[in-house]
C-alpha cells in the first residue's frame, strides 16, 4: 500500500521579535550563540530564541558561531517563546548584515506597494 505524506504549509519568514503563536510554521535566520544537547539559542539581531529539536541529527554540525536557517513551529513554554525545529540548515557563507539589509529593503518596497 502506498504511504500518504501530508504536505506542510509554507514557512513564513520571521524575525525573532516578530514571532506569533498563531504562526503554524516559520523560518528564522540567525547566529547560534549557545548550544546544549537538544536545544540551541539563536540570535537574529532582533532578539534571542531557544530552538528545540527531538532528533539530534537535525542539528548535526551546528555549533556556537554557526549561521543557520531554522524551519519550525513557534511554541510558548512558561511564558517564553521557543521554536520546535524540523529543519536546521547551516548558512556558512551568508553575510548576516547584508541579509538583514536586503530583507529590510524588500519589506520597505512591499509596504510602498501596499501589500
PDB file of N, CA and C in Angstrom:
ATOM      1  N   UNK A   1       0.841  -1.173   0.000  1.00  0.00           N
ATOM      2  CA  UNK A   1       0.000   0.000   0.000  1.00  0.00           C
ATOM      3  C   UNK A   1       0.894   1.247   0.000  1.00  0.00           C
ATOM      4  N   UNK A   2       0.506   2.231  -0.727  1.00  0.00           N
ATOM      5  CA  UNK A   2       1.274   3.466  -0.866  1.00  0.00           C
ATOM      6  C   UNK A   2       1.100   4.358   0.354  1.00  0.00           C
ATOM      7  N   UNK A   3       2.229   4.871   0.848  1.00  0.00           N
ATOM      8  CA  UNK A   3       2.188   5.742   2.022  1.00  0.00           C
ATOM      9  C   UNK A   3       1.797   7.151   1.600  1.00  0.00           C
ATOM     10  N   UNK A   4       0.867   7.737   2.331  1.00  0.00           N
ATOM     11  CA  UNK A   4       0.416   9.095   2.040  1.00  0.00           C
ATOM     12  C   UNK A   4       1.152  10.049   2.967  1.00  0.00           C
ATOM     13  N   UNK A   5       1.801  11.046   2.374  1.00  0.00           N
ATOM     14  CA  UNK A   5       2.503  12.045   3.173  1.00  0.00           C
ATOM     15  C   UNK A   5       1.718  13.345   3.153  1.00  0.00           C
ATOM     16  N   UNK A   6       1.538  13.907   4.344  1.00  0.00           N
ATOM     17  CA  UNK A   6       0.859  15.196   4.415  1.00  0.00           C
ATOM     18  C   UNK A   6       1.837  16.286   4.011  1.00  0.00           C
ATOM     19  N   UNK A   7       1.338  17.220   3.255  1.00  0.00           N
ATOM     20  CA  UNK A   7       2.160  18.348   2.831  1.00  0.00           C
ATOM     21  C   UNK A   7       2.066  19.448   3.881  1.00  0.00           C
ATOM     22  N   UNK A   8       3.236  19.962   4.275  1.00  0.00           N
ATOM     23  CA  UNK A   8       3.267  21.038   5.254  1.00  0.00           C
ATOM     24  C   UNK A   8       3.016  22.368   4.565  1.00  0.00           C
ATOM     25  N   UNK A   9       2.467  23.298   5.325  1.00  0.00           N
ATOM     26  CA  UNK A   9       2.267  24.638   4.801  1.00  0.00           C
ATOM     27  C   UNK A   9       3.597  25.354   4.669  1.00  0.00           C
ATOM     28  N   UNK A  10       3.621  26.451   3.935  1.00  0.00           N
ATOM     29  CA  UNK A  10       4.871  27.194   3.772  1.00  0.00           C
ATOM     30  C   UNK A  10       5.317  27.808   5.104  1.00  0.00           C
ATOM     31  N   UNK A  11       6.613  27.912   5.264  1.00  0.00           N
ATOM     32  CA  UNK A  11       7.179  28.531   6.462  1.00  0.00           C
ATOM     33  C   UNK A  11       7.332  30.027   6.201  1.00  0.00           C
ATOM     34  N   UNK A  12       6.667  30.837   7.006  1.00  0.00           N
ATOM     35  CA  UNK A  12       6.723  32.289   6.822  1.00  0.00           C
ATOM     36  C   UNK A  12       8.038  32.835   7.370  1.00  0.00           C
ATOM     37  N   UNK A  13       8.692  33.716   6.600  1.00  0.00           N
ATOM     38  CA  UNK A  13       9.923  34.320   7.122  1.00  0.00           C
ATOM     39  C   UNK A  13       9.590  35.274   8.273  1.00  0.00           C
ATOM     40  N   UNK A  14      10.305  35.148   9.367  1.00  0.00           N
ATOM     41  CA  UNK A  14      10.067  35.996  10.532  1.00  0.00           C
ATOM     42  C   UNK A  14      11.392  36.370  11.183  1.00  0.00           C
ATOM     43  N   UNK A  15      11.397  37.549  11.797  1.00  0.00           N
ATOM     44  CA  UNK A  15      12.450  37.888  12.745  1.00  0.00           C
ATOM     45  C   UNK A  15      11.996  37.319  14.084  1.00  0.00           C
ATOM     46  N   UNK A  16      12.933  37.112  14.976  1.00  0.00           N
ATOM     47  CA  UNK A  16      12.560  36.566  16.284  1.00  0.00           C
ATOM     48  C   UNK A  16      11.569  37.486  16.983  1.00  0.00           C
ATOM     49  N   UNK A  17      11.777  38.789  16.874  1.00  0.00           N
ATOM     50  CA  UNK A  17      10.873  39.741  17.527  1.00  0.00           C
ATOM     51  C   UNK A  17       9.471  39.735  16.914  1.00  0.00           C
ATOM     52  N   UNK A  18       9.304  39.153  15.725  1.00  0.00           N
ATOM     53  CA  UNK A  18       8.006  39.134  15.037  1.00  0.00           C
ATOM     54  C   UNK A  18       7.253  37.814  15.190  1.00  0.00           C
ATOM     55  N   UNK A  19       7.821  36.842  15.890  1.00  0.00           N
ATOM     56  CA  UNK A  19       7.164  35.540  16.020  1.00  0.00           C
ATOM     57  C   UNK A  19       5.805  35.681  16.682  1.00  0.00           C
ATOM     58  N   UNK A  20       4.836  34.957  16.131  1.00  0.00           N
ATOM     59  CA  UNK A  20       3.489  34.956  16.677  1.00  0.00           C
ATOM     60  C   UNK A  20       3.080  33.514  16.950  1.00  0.00           C
ATOM     61  N   UNK A  21       2.406  33.306  18.035  1.00  0.00           N
ATOM     62  CA  UNK A  21       1.993  31.946  18.365  1.00  0.00           C
ATOM     63  C   UNK A  21       0.950  31.420  17.374  1.00  0.00           C
ATOM     64  N   UNK A  22       0.308  32.294  16.637  1.00  0.00           N
ATOM     65  CA  UNK A  22      -0.659  31.865  15.635  1.00  0.00           C
ATOM     66  C   UNK A  22      -0.007  31.337  14.361  1.00  0.00           C
ATOM     67  N   UNK A  23       1.304  31.576  14.204  1.00  0.00           N
ATOM     68  CA  UNK A  23       2.009  31.074  13.023  1.00  0.00           C
ATOM     69  C   UNK A  23       2.131  29.559  13.104  1.00  0.00           C
ATOM     70  N   UNK A  24       1.733  28.883  12.040  1.00  0.00           N
ATOM     71  CA  UNK A  24       1.842  27.428  12.023  1.00  0.00           C
ATOM     72  C   UNK A  24       3.293  26.999  11.811  1.00  0.00           C
ATOM     73  N   UNK A  25       3.945  27.575  10.813  1.00  0.00           N
ATOM     74  CA  UNK A  25       5.358  27.289  10.526  1.00  0.00           C
ATOM     75  C   UNK A  25       6.053  28.590  10.167  1.00  0.00           C
ATOM     76  N   UNK A  26       7.294  28.713  10.636  1.00  0.00           N
ATOM     77  CA  UNK A  26       8.090  29.896  10.347  1.00  0.00           C
ATOM     78  C   UNK A  26       9.503  29.465   9.957  1.00  0.00           C
ATOM     79  N   UNK A  27      10.247  30.432   9.405  1.00  0.00           N
ATOM     80  CA  UNK A  27      11.682  30.227   9.196  1.00  0.00           C
ATOM     81  C   UNK A  27      12.397  31.466   9.705  1.00  0.00           C
ATOM     82  N   UNK A  28      13.473  31.227  10.453  1.00  0.00           N
ATOM     83  CA  UNK A  28      14.241  32.281  11.097  1.00  0.00           C
ATOM     84  C   UNK A  28      15.707  32.075  10.750  1.00  0.00           C
ATOM     85  N   UNK A  29      16.412  33.164  10.462  1.00  0.00           N
ATOM     86  CA  UNK A  29      17.841  33.118  10.159  1.00  0.00           C
ATOM     87  C   UNK A  29      18.584  33.864  11.253  1.00  0.00           C
ATOM     88  N   UNK A  30      19.673  33.265  11.749  1.00  0.00           N
ATOM     89  CA  UNK A  30      20.446  33.945  12.778  1.00  0.00           C
ATOM     90  C   UNK A  30      21.724  33.211  13.110  1.00  0.00           C
ATOM     91  N   UNK A  31      22.319  33.622  14.215  1.00  0.00           N
ATOM     92  CA  UNK A  31      23.603  33.109  14.681  1.00  0.00           C
ATOM     93  C   UNK A  31      23.380  32.282  15.944  1.00  0.00           C
ATOM     94  N   UNK A  32      23.972  31.092  15.993  1.00  0.00           N
ATOM     95  CA  UNK A  32      23.883  30.246  17.177  1.00  0.00           C
ATOM     96  C   UNK A  32      24.821  30.811  18.237  1.00  0.00           C
ATOM     97  N   UNK A  33      24.264  31.179  19.400  1.00  0.00           N
ATOM     98  CA  UNK A  33      25.075  31.793  20.449  1.00  0.00           C
ATOM     99  C   UNK A  33      25.257  30.882  21.665  1.00  0.00           C
ATOM    100  N   UNK A  34      24.509  29.778  21.726  1.00  0.00           N
ATOM    101  CA  UNK A  34      24.648  28.803  22.808  1.00  0.00           C
ATOM    102  C   UNK A  34      24.084  27.483  22.311  1.00  0.00           C
ATOM    103  N   UNK A  35      24.669  26.365  22.760  1.00  0.00           N
ATOM    104  CA  UNK A  35      24.180  25.055  22.311  1.00  0.00           C
ATOM    105  C   UNK A  35      24.260  24.055  23.447  1.00  0.00           C
ATOM    106  N   UNK A  36      23.188  23.265  23.580  1.00  0.00           N
ATOM    107  CA  UNK A  36      23.127  22.159  24.545  1.00  0.00           C
ATOM    108  C   UNK A  36      22.695  20.912  23.790  1.00  0.00           C
ATOM    109  N   UNK A  37      22.424  19.840  24.507  1.00  0.00           N
ATOM    110  CA  UNK A  37      22.108  18.556  23.877  1.00  0.00           C
ATOM    111  C   UNK A  37      20.954  18.619  22.881  1.00  0.00           C
ATOM    112  N   UNK A  38      19.801  19.096  23.316  1.00  0.00           N
ATOM    113  CA  UNK A  38      18.615  19.070  22.459  1.00  0.00           C
ATOM    114  C   UNK A  38      18.066  20.470  22.192  1.00  0.00           C
ATOM    115  N   UNK A  39      18.927  21.475  22.295  1.00  0.00           N
ATOM    116  CA  UNK A  39      18.478  22.846  22.025  1.00  0.00           C
ATOM    117  C   UNK A  39      19.676  23.741  21.759  1.00  0.00           C
ATOM    118  N   UNK A  40      19.390  24.867  21.109  1.00  0.00           N
ATOM    119  CA  UNK A  40      20.391  25.915  20.983  1.00  0.00           C
ATOM    120  C   UNK A  40      19.688  27.265  21.010  1.00  0.00           C
ATOM    121  N   UNK A  41      20.472  28.310  21.262  1.00  0.00           N
ATOM    122  CA  UNK A  41      19.927  29.668  21.300  1.00  0.00           C
ATOM    123  C   UNK A  41      20.332  30.376  20.026  1.00  0.00           C
ATOM    124  N   UNK A  42      19.347  30.981  19.371  1.00  0.00           N
ATOM    125  CA  UNK A  42      19.550  31.682  18.105  1.00  0.00           C
ATOM    126  C   UNK A  42      19.354  33.178  18.323  1.00  0.00           C
ATOM    127  N   UNK A  43      20.244  33.988  17.752  1.00  0.00           N
ATOM    128  CA  UNK A  43      20.157  35.446  17.834  1.00  0.00           C
ATOM    129  C   UNK A  43      20.121  35.989  16.414  1.00  0.00           C
ATOM    130  N   UNK A  44      19.086  36.772  16.089  1.00  0.00           N
ATOM    131  CA  UNK A  44      18.992  37.334  14.734  1.00  0.00           C
ATOM    132  C   UNK A  44      19.147  38.854  14.722  1.00  0.00           C
ATOM    133  N   UNK A  45      19.567  39.424  15.839  1.00  0.00           N
ATOM    134  CA  UNK A  45      19.718  40.872  15.922  1.00  0.00           C
ATOM    135  C   UNK A  45      18.476  41.565  16.451  1.00  0.00           C
ATOM    136  N   UNK A  46      17.315  40.894  16.361  1.00  0.00           N
ATOM    137  CA  UNK A  46      16.083  41.486  16.887  1.00  0.00           C
ATOM    138  C   UNK A  46      15.709  40.852  18.221  1.00  0.00           C
ATOM    139  N   UNK A  47      16.367  39.756  18.564  1.00  0.00           N
ATOM    140  CA  UNK A  47      16.078  39.045  19.799  1.00  0.00           C
ATOM    141  C   UNK A  47      16.745  37.689  19.814  1.00  0.00           C
ATOM    142  N   UNK A  48      16.527  36.962  20.900  1.00  0.00           N
ATOM    143  CA  UNK A  48      17.065  35.612  21.049  1.00  0.00           C
ATOM    144  C   UNK A  48      15.923  34.640  21.229  1.00  0.00           C
ATOM    145  N   UNK A  49      16.166  33.403  20.797  1.00  0.00           N
ATOM    146  CA  UNK A  49      15.130  32.384  20.790  1.00  0.00           C
ATOM    147  C   UNK A  49      15.754  31.033  21.078  1.00  0.00           C
ATOM    148  N   UNK A  50      15.099  30.242  21.919  1.00  0.00           N
ATOM    149  CA  UNK A  50      15.536  28.869  22.149  1.00  0.00           C
ATOM    150  C   UNK A  50      14.928  27.991  21.069  1.00  0.00           C
ATOM    151  N   UNK A  51      15.782  27.244  20.379  1.00  0.00           N
ATOM    152  CA  UNK A  51      15.357  26.315  19.343  1.00  0.00           C
ATOM    153  C   UNK A  51      15.503  24.909  19.919  1.00  0.00           C
ATOM    154  N   UNK A  52      14.410  24.152  19.932  1.00  0.00           N
ATOM    155  CA  UNK A  52      14.439  22.795  20.464  1.00  0.00           C
ATOM    156  C   UNK A  52      14.206  21.813  19.324  1.00  0.00           C
ATOM    157  N   UNK A  53      14.709  20.589  19.497  1.00  0.00           N
ATOM    158  CA  UNK A  53      14.530  19.558  18.480  1.00  0.00           C
ATOM    159  C   UNK A  53      14.537  18.192  19.149  1.00  0.00           C
ATOM    160  N   UNK A  54      13.792  17.258  18.573  1.00  0.00           N
ATOM    161  CA  UNK A  54      13.696  15.907  19.127  1.00  0.00           C
ATOM    162  C   UNK A  54      14.837  15.017  18.649  1.00  0.00           C
ATOM    163  N   UNK A  55      15.229  15.181  17.397  1.00  0.00           N
ATOM    164  CA  UNK A  55      16.239  14.332  16.780  1.00  0.00           C
ATOM    165  C   UNK A  55      17.561  15.088  16.684  1.00  0.00           C
ATOM    166  N   UNK A  56      18.607  14.649  17.395  1.00  0.00           N
ATOM    167  CA  UNK A  56      19.891  15.352  17.349  1.00  0.00           C
ATOM    168  C   UNK A  56      20.483  15.455  15.944  1.00  0.00           C
ATOM    169  N   UNK A  57      20.083  14.582  15.043  1.00  0.00           N
ATOM    170  CA  UNK A  57      20.589  14.632  13.664  1.00  0.00           C
ATOM    171  C   UNK A  57      20.157  15.916  12.959  1.00  0.00           C
ATOM    172  N   UNK A  58      19.065  16.522  13.403  1.00  0.00           N
ATOM    173  CA  UNK A  58      18.580  17.767  12.796  1.00  0.00           C
ATOM    174  C   UNK A  58      19.625  18.870  12.917  1.00  0.00           C
ATOM    175  N   UNK A  59      20.319  18.907  14.054  1.00  0.00           N
ATOM    176  CA  UNK A  59      21.293  19.973  14.304  1.00  0.00           C
ATOM    177  C   UNK A  59      22.732  19.462  14.222  1.00  0.00           C
ATOM    178  N   UNK A  60      22.934  18.374  13.524  1.00  0.00           N
ATOM    179  CA  UNK A  60      24.283  17.820  13.382  1.00  0.00           C
ATOM    180  C   UNK A  60      25.195  18.833  12.682  1.00  0.00           C
ATOM    181  N   UNK A  61      26.357  19.080  13.250  1.00  0.00           N
ATOM    182  CA  UNK A  61      27.306  20.020  12.671  1.00  0.00           C
ATOM    183  C   UNK A  61      27.066  21.462  13.057  1.00  0.00           C
ATOM    184  N   UNK A  62      25.995  21.737  13.778  1.00  0.00           N
ATOM    185  CA  UNK A  62      25.695  23.099  14.217  1.00  0.00           C
ATOM    186  C   UNK A  62      26.408  23.349  15.541  1.00  0.00           C
ATOM    187  N   UNK A  63      27.212  24.392  15.582  1.00  0.00           N
ATOM    188  CA  UNK A  63      27.973  24.752  16.777  1.00  0.00           C
ATOM    189  C   UNK A  63      27.787  26.238  17.069  1.00  0.00           C
ATOM    190  N   UNK A  64      28.220  26.673  18.230  1.00  0.00           N
ATOM    191  CA  UNK A  64      28.192  28.097  18.577  1.00  0.00           C
ATOM    192  C   UNK A  64      29.002  28.854  17.522  1.00  0.00           C
ATOM    193  N   UNK A  65      28.422  29.931  17.015  1.00  0.00           N
ATOM    194  CA  UNK A  65      29.068  30.736  15.974  1.00  0.00           C
ATOM    195  C   UNK A  65      28.583  30.430  14.572  1.00  0.00           C
ATOM    196  N   UNK A  66      27.815  29.348  14.403  1.00  0.00           N
ATOM    197  CA  UNK A  66      27.275  28.994  13.085  1.00  0.00           C
ATOM    198  C   UNK A  66      26.101  29.899  12.721  1.00  0.00           C
ATOM    199  N   UNK A  67      26.007  30.231  11.445  1.00  0.00           N
ATOM    200  CA  UNK A  67      24.833  30.922  10.916  1.00  0.00           C
ATOM    201  C   UNK A  67      23.896  29.836  10.388  1.00  0.00           C
ATOM    202  N   UNK A  68      22.635  29.921  10.769  1.00  0.00           N
ATOM    203  CA  UNK A  68      21.672  28.886  10.388  1.00  0.00           C
ATOM    204  C   UNK A  68      20.328  29.485   9.995  1.00  0.00           C
ATOM    205  N   UNK A  69      19.581  28.676   9.229  1.00  0.00           N
ATOM    206  CA  UNK A  69      18.169  28.963   8.961  1.00  0.00           C
ATOM    207  C   UNK A  69      17.404  27.813   9.595  1.00  0.00           C
ATOM    208  N   UNK A  70      16.390  28.149  10.386  1.00  0.00           N
ATOM    209  CA  UNK A  70      15.614  27.142  11.107  1.00  0.00           C
ATOM    210  C   UNK A  70      14.166  27.219  10.661  1.00  0.00           C
ATOM    211  N   UNK A  71      13.602  26.073  10.314  1.00  0.00           N
ATOM    212  CA  UNK A  71      12.191  25.936   9.966  1.00  0.00           C
ATOM    213  C   UNK A  71      11.524  25.197  11.118  1.00  0.00           C
ATOM    214  N   UNK A  72      10.378  25.714  11.579  1.00  0.00           N
ATOM    215  CA  UNK A  72       9.698  25.026  12.665  1.00  0.00           C
ATOM    216  C   UNK A  72       8.434  25.726  13.104  1.00  0.00           C
ATOM    217  N   UNK A  73       7.921  25.242  14.234  1.00  0.00           N
ATOM    218  CA  UNK A  73       6.666  25.754  14.794  1.00  0.00           C
ATOM    219  C   UNK A  73       6.948  26.514  16.084  1.00  0.00           C
ATOM    220  N   UNK A  74       6.459  27.762  16.192  1.00  0.00           N
ATOM    221  CA  UNK A  74       6.645  28.522  17.429  1.00  0.00           C
ATOM    222  C   UNK A  74       5.805  27.935  18.567  1.00  0.00           C
ATOM    223  N   UNK A  75       6.390  27.943  19.760  1.00  0.00           N
ATOM    224  CA  UNK A  75       5.719  27.447  20.957  1.00  0.00           C
ATOM    225  C   UNK A  75       5.855  28.491  22.056  1.00  0.00           C
ATOM    226  N   UNK A  76       4.925  28.490  22.976  1.00  0.00           N
ATOM    227  CA  UNK A  76       5.018  29.336  24.161  1.00  0.00           C
ATOM    228  C   UNK A  76       5.137  28.399  25.354  1.00  0.00           C
ATOM    229  N   UNK A  77       6.313  28.396  26.010  1.00  0.00           N
ATOM    230  CA  UNK A  77       6.572  27.499  27.132  1.00  0.00           C
ATOM    231  C   UNK A  77       6.962  28.342  28.336  1.00  0.00           C
ATOM    232  N   UNK A  78       6.190  28.246  29.397  1.00  0.00           N
ATOM    233  CA  UNK A  78       6.438  29.000  30.632  1.00  0.00           C
ATOM    234  C   UNK A  78       6.622  30.489  30.361  1.00  0.00           C
ATOM    235  N   UNK A  79       5.832  31.026  29.455  1.00  0.00           N
ATOM    236  CA  UNK A  79       5.866  32.448  29.150  1.00  0.00           C
ATOM    237  C   UNK A  79       6.973  32.869  28.202  1.00  0.00           C
ATOM    238  N   UNK A  80       7.808  31.924  27.756  1.00  0.00           N
ATOM    239  CA  UNK A  80       8.910  32.254  26.841  1.00  0.00           C
ATOM    240  C   UNK A  80       8.676  31.598  25.485  1.00  0.00           C
ATOM    241  N   UNK A  81       9.099  32.284  24.442  1.00  0.00           N
ATOM    242  CA  UNK A  81       8.960  31.744  23.090  1.00  0.00           C
ATOM    243  C   UNK A  81      10.064  30.728  22.806  1.00  0.00           C
ATOM    244  N   UNK A  82       9.686  29.648  22.148  1.00  0.00           N
ATOM    245  CA  UNK A  82      10.623  28.640  21.674  1.00  0.00           C
ATOM    246  C   UNK A  82      10.215  28.279  20.264  1.00  0.00           C
ATOM    247  N   UNK A  83      11.129  27.662  19.541  1.00  0.00           N
ATOM    248  CA  UNK A  83      10.834  27.190  18.197  1.00  0.00           C
ATOM    249  C   UNK A  83      11.144  25.711  18.150  1.00  0.00           C
ATOM    250  N   UNK A  84      10.139  24.895  17.833  1.00  0.00           N
ATOM    251  CA  UNK A  84      10.349  23.457  17.687  1.00  0.00           C
ATOM    252  C   UNK A  84      10.778  23.218  16.243  1.00  0.00           C
ATOM    253  N   UNK A  85      12.050  22.919  16.054  1.00  0.00           N
ATOM    254  CA  UNK A  85      12.641  22.826  14.716  1.00  0.00           C
ATOM    255  C   UNK A  85      12.367  21.479  14.060  1.00  0.00           C
ATOM    256  N   UNK A  86      12.053  21.532  12.756  1.00  0.00           N
ATOM    257  CA  UNK A  86      12.003  20.295  11.983  1.00  0.00           C
ATOM    258  C   UNK A  86      13.091  20.288  10.902  1.00  0.00           C
ATOM    259  N   UNK A  87      13.666  21.468  10.602  1.00  0.00           N
ATOM    260  CA  UNK A  87      14.791  21.563   9.662  1.00  0.00           C
ATOM    261  C   UNK A  87      15.744  22.644  10.174  1.00  0.00           C
ATOM    262  N   UNK A  88      17.038  22.331  10.179  1.00  0.00           N
ATOM    263  CA  UNK A  88      18.074  23.311  10.504  1.00  0.00           C
ATOM    264  C   UNK A  88      19.111  23.244   9.383  1.00  0.00           C
ATOM    265  N   UNK A  89      19.348  24.387   8.740  1.00  0.00           N
ATOM    266  CA  UNK A  89      20.317  24.457   7.640  1.00  0.00           C
ATOM    267  C   UNK A  89      21.444  25.406   8.008  1.00  0.00           C
ATOM    268  N   UNK A  90      22.680  24.940   7.847  1.00  0.00           N
ATOM    269  CA  UNK A  90      23.829  25.828   8.044  1.00  0.00           C
ATOM    270  C   UNK A  90      23.948  26.759   6.852  1.00  0.00           C
ATOM    271  N   UNK A  91      24.287  28.015   7.133  1.00  0.00           N
ATOM    272  CA  UNK A  91      24.451  29.030   6.093  1.00  0.00           C
ATOM    273  C   UNK A  91      25.822  29.682   6.269  1.00  0.00           C
ATOM    274  N   UNK A  92      26.865  28.861   6.159  1.00  0.00           N
ATOM    275  CA  UNK A  92      28.225  29.305   6.471  1.00  0.00           C
ATOM    276  C   UNK A  92      28.668  30.547   5.710  1.00  0.00           C
ATOM    277  N   UNK A  93      28.283  30.677   4.457  1.00  0.00           N
ATOM    278  CA  UNK A  93      28.785  31.780   3.641  1.00  0.00           C
ATOM    279  C   UNK A  93      27.860  32.999   3.618  1.00  0.00           C
ATOM    280  N   UNK A  94      26.800  32.957   4.385  1.00  0.00           N
ATOM    281  CA  UNK A  94      25.847  34.065   4.409  1.00  0.00           C
ATOM    282  C   UNK A  94      26.419  35.258   5.158  1.00  0.00           C
ATOM    283  N   UNK A  95      26.316  36.432   4.565  1.00  0.00           N
ATOM    284  CA  UNK A  95      26.674  37.693   5.226  1.00  0.00           C
ATOM    285  C   UNK A  95      25.402  38.171   5.928  1.00  0.00           C
ATOM    286  N   UNK A  96      25.345  38.004   7.255  1.00  0.00           N
ATOM    287  CA  UNK A  96      24.125  38.336   8.001  1.00  0.00           C
ATOM    288  C   UNK A  96      23.741  39.806   7.889  1.00  0.00           C
ATOM    289  N   UNK A  97      24.725  40.695   7.877  1.00  0.00           N
ATOM    290  CA  UNK A  97      24.404  42.122   7.755  1.00  0.00           C
ATOM    291  C   UNK A  97      23.777  42.433   6.402  1.00  0.00           C
ATOM    292  N   UNK A  98      24.326  41.882   5.336  1.00  0.00           N
ATOM    293  CA  UNK A  98      23.768  42.090   4.001  1.00  0.00           C
ATOM    294  C   UNK A  98      22.381  41.457   3.903  1.00  0.00           C
ATOM    295  N   UNK A  99      22.202  40.276   4.494  1.00  0.00           N
ATOM    296  CA  UNK A  99      20.903  39.605   4.511  1.00  0.00           C
ATOM    297  C   UNK A  99      19.854  40.507   5.172  1.00  0.00           C
ATOM    298  N   UNK A 100      20.209  41.110   6.323  1.00  0.00           N
ATOM    299  CA  UNK A 100      19.268  41.994   7.031  1.00  0.00           C
ATOM    300  C   UNK A 100      18.927  43.219   6.185  1.00  0.00           C
ATOM    301  N   UNK A 101      19.949  43.805   5.542  1.00  0.00           N
ATOM    302  CA  UNK A 101      19.716  44.981   4.699  1.00  0.00           C
ATOM    303  C   UNK A 101      18.765  44.662   3.548  1.00  0.00           C
ATOM    304  N   UNK A 102      19.004  43.553   2.873  1.00  0.00           N
ATOM    305  CA  UNK A 102      18.157  43.159   1.741  1.00  0.00           C
ATOM    306  C   UNK A 102      16.740  42.896   2.216  1.00  0.00           C
ATOM    307  N   UNK A 103      16.611  42.215   3.341  1.00  0.00           N
ATOM    308  CA  UNK A 103      15.284  41.912   3.862  1.00  0.00           C
ATOM    309  C   UNK A 103      14.522  43.187   4.240  1.00  0.00           C
ATOM    310  N   UNK A 104      15.211  44.134   4.871  1.00  0.00           N
ATOM    311  CA  UNK A 104      14.571  45.406   5.233  1.00  0.00           C
ATOM    312  C   UNK A 104      14.141  46.184   3.993  1.00  0.00           C
ATOM    313  N   UNK A 105      14.972  46.171   2.965  1.00  0.00           N
ATOM    314  CA  UNK A 105      14.634  46.868   1.720  1.00  0.00           C
ATOM    315  C   UNK A 105      13.418  46.216   1.047  1.00  0.00           C
ATOM    316  N   UNK A 106      13.377  44.891   1.025  1.00  0.00           N
ATOM    317  CA  UNK A 106      12.240  44.185   0.434  1.00  0.00           C
ATOM    318  C   UNK A 106      10.956  44.499   1.200  1.00  0.00           C
ATOM    319  N   UNK A 107      11.033  44.548   2.527  1.00  0.00           N
ATOM    320  CA  UNK A 107       9.861  44.879   3.334  1.00  0.00           C
ATOM    321  C   UNK A 107       9.403  46.309   3.082  1.00  0.00           C
ATOM    322  N   UNK A 108      10.363  47.232   2.928  1.00  0.00           N
ATOM    323  CA  UNK A 108      10.024  48.626   2.634  1.00  0.00           C
ATOM    324  C   UNK A 108       9.289  48.732   1.302  1.00  0.00           C
ATOM    325  N   UNK A 109       9.793  48.023   0.286  1.00  0.00           N
ATOM    326  CA  UNK A 109       9.150  48.040  -1.025  1.00  0.00           C
ATOM    327  C   UNK A 109       7.748  47.447  -0.972  1.00  0.00           C
ATOM    328  N   UNK A 110       7.572  46.369  -0.213  1.00  0.00           N
ATOM    329  CA  UNK A 110       6.244  45.770  -0.074  1.00  0.00           C
ATOM    330  C   UNK A 110       5.264  46.750   0.576  1.00  0.00           C
ATOM    331  N   UNK A 111       5.741  47.474   1.589  1.00  0.00           N
ATOM    332  CA  UNK A 111       4.868  48.474   2.239  1.00  0.00           C
ATOM    333  C   UNK A 111       4.483  49.580   1.258  1.00  0.00           C
ATOM    334  N   UNK A 112       5.446  50.034   0.460  1.00  0.00           N
ATOM    335  CA  UNK A 112       5.170  51.083  -0.526  1.00  0.00           C
ATOM    336  C   UNK A 112       4.180  50.622  -1.583  1.00  0.00           C
ATOM    337  N   UNK A 113       4.254  49.356  -1.943  1.00  0.00           N
ATOM    338  CA  UNK A 113       3.348  48.822  -2.958  1.00  0.00           C
ATOM    339  C   UNK A 113       1.993  48.447  -2.361  1.00  0.00           C
ATOM    340  N   UNK A 114       1.880  48.552  -1.018  1.00  0.00           N
ATOM    341  CA  UNK A 114       0.601  48.298  -0.360  1.00  0.00           C
ATOM    342  C   UNK A 114       0.227  46.838  -0.250  1.00  0.00           C
ATOM    343  N   UNK A 115       1.207  45.981  -0.096  1.00  0.00           N
ATOM    344  CA  UNK A 115       0.909  44.537   0.050  1.00  0.00           C
ATOM    345  C   UNK A 115       0.704  44.150   1.462  1.00  0.00           C
TER     346      UNK A 115
END
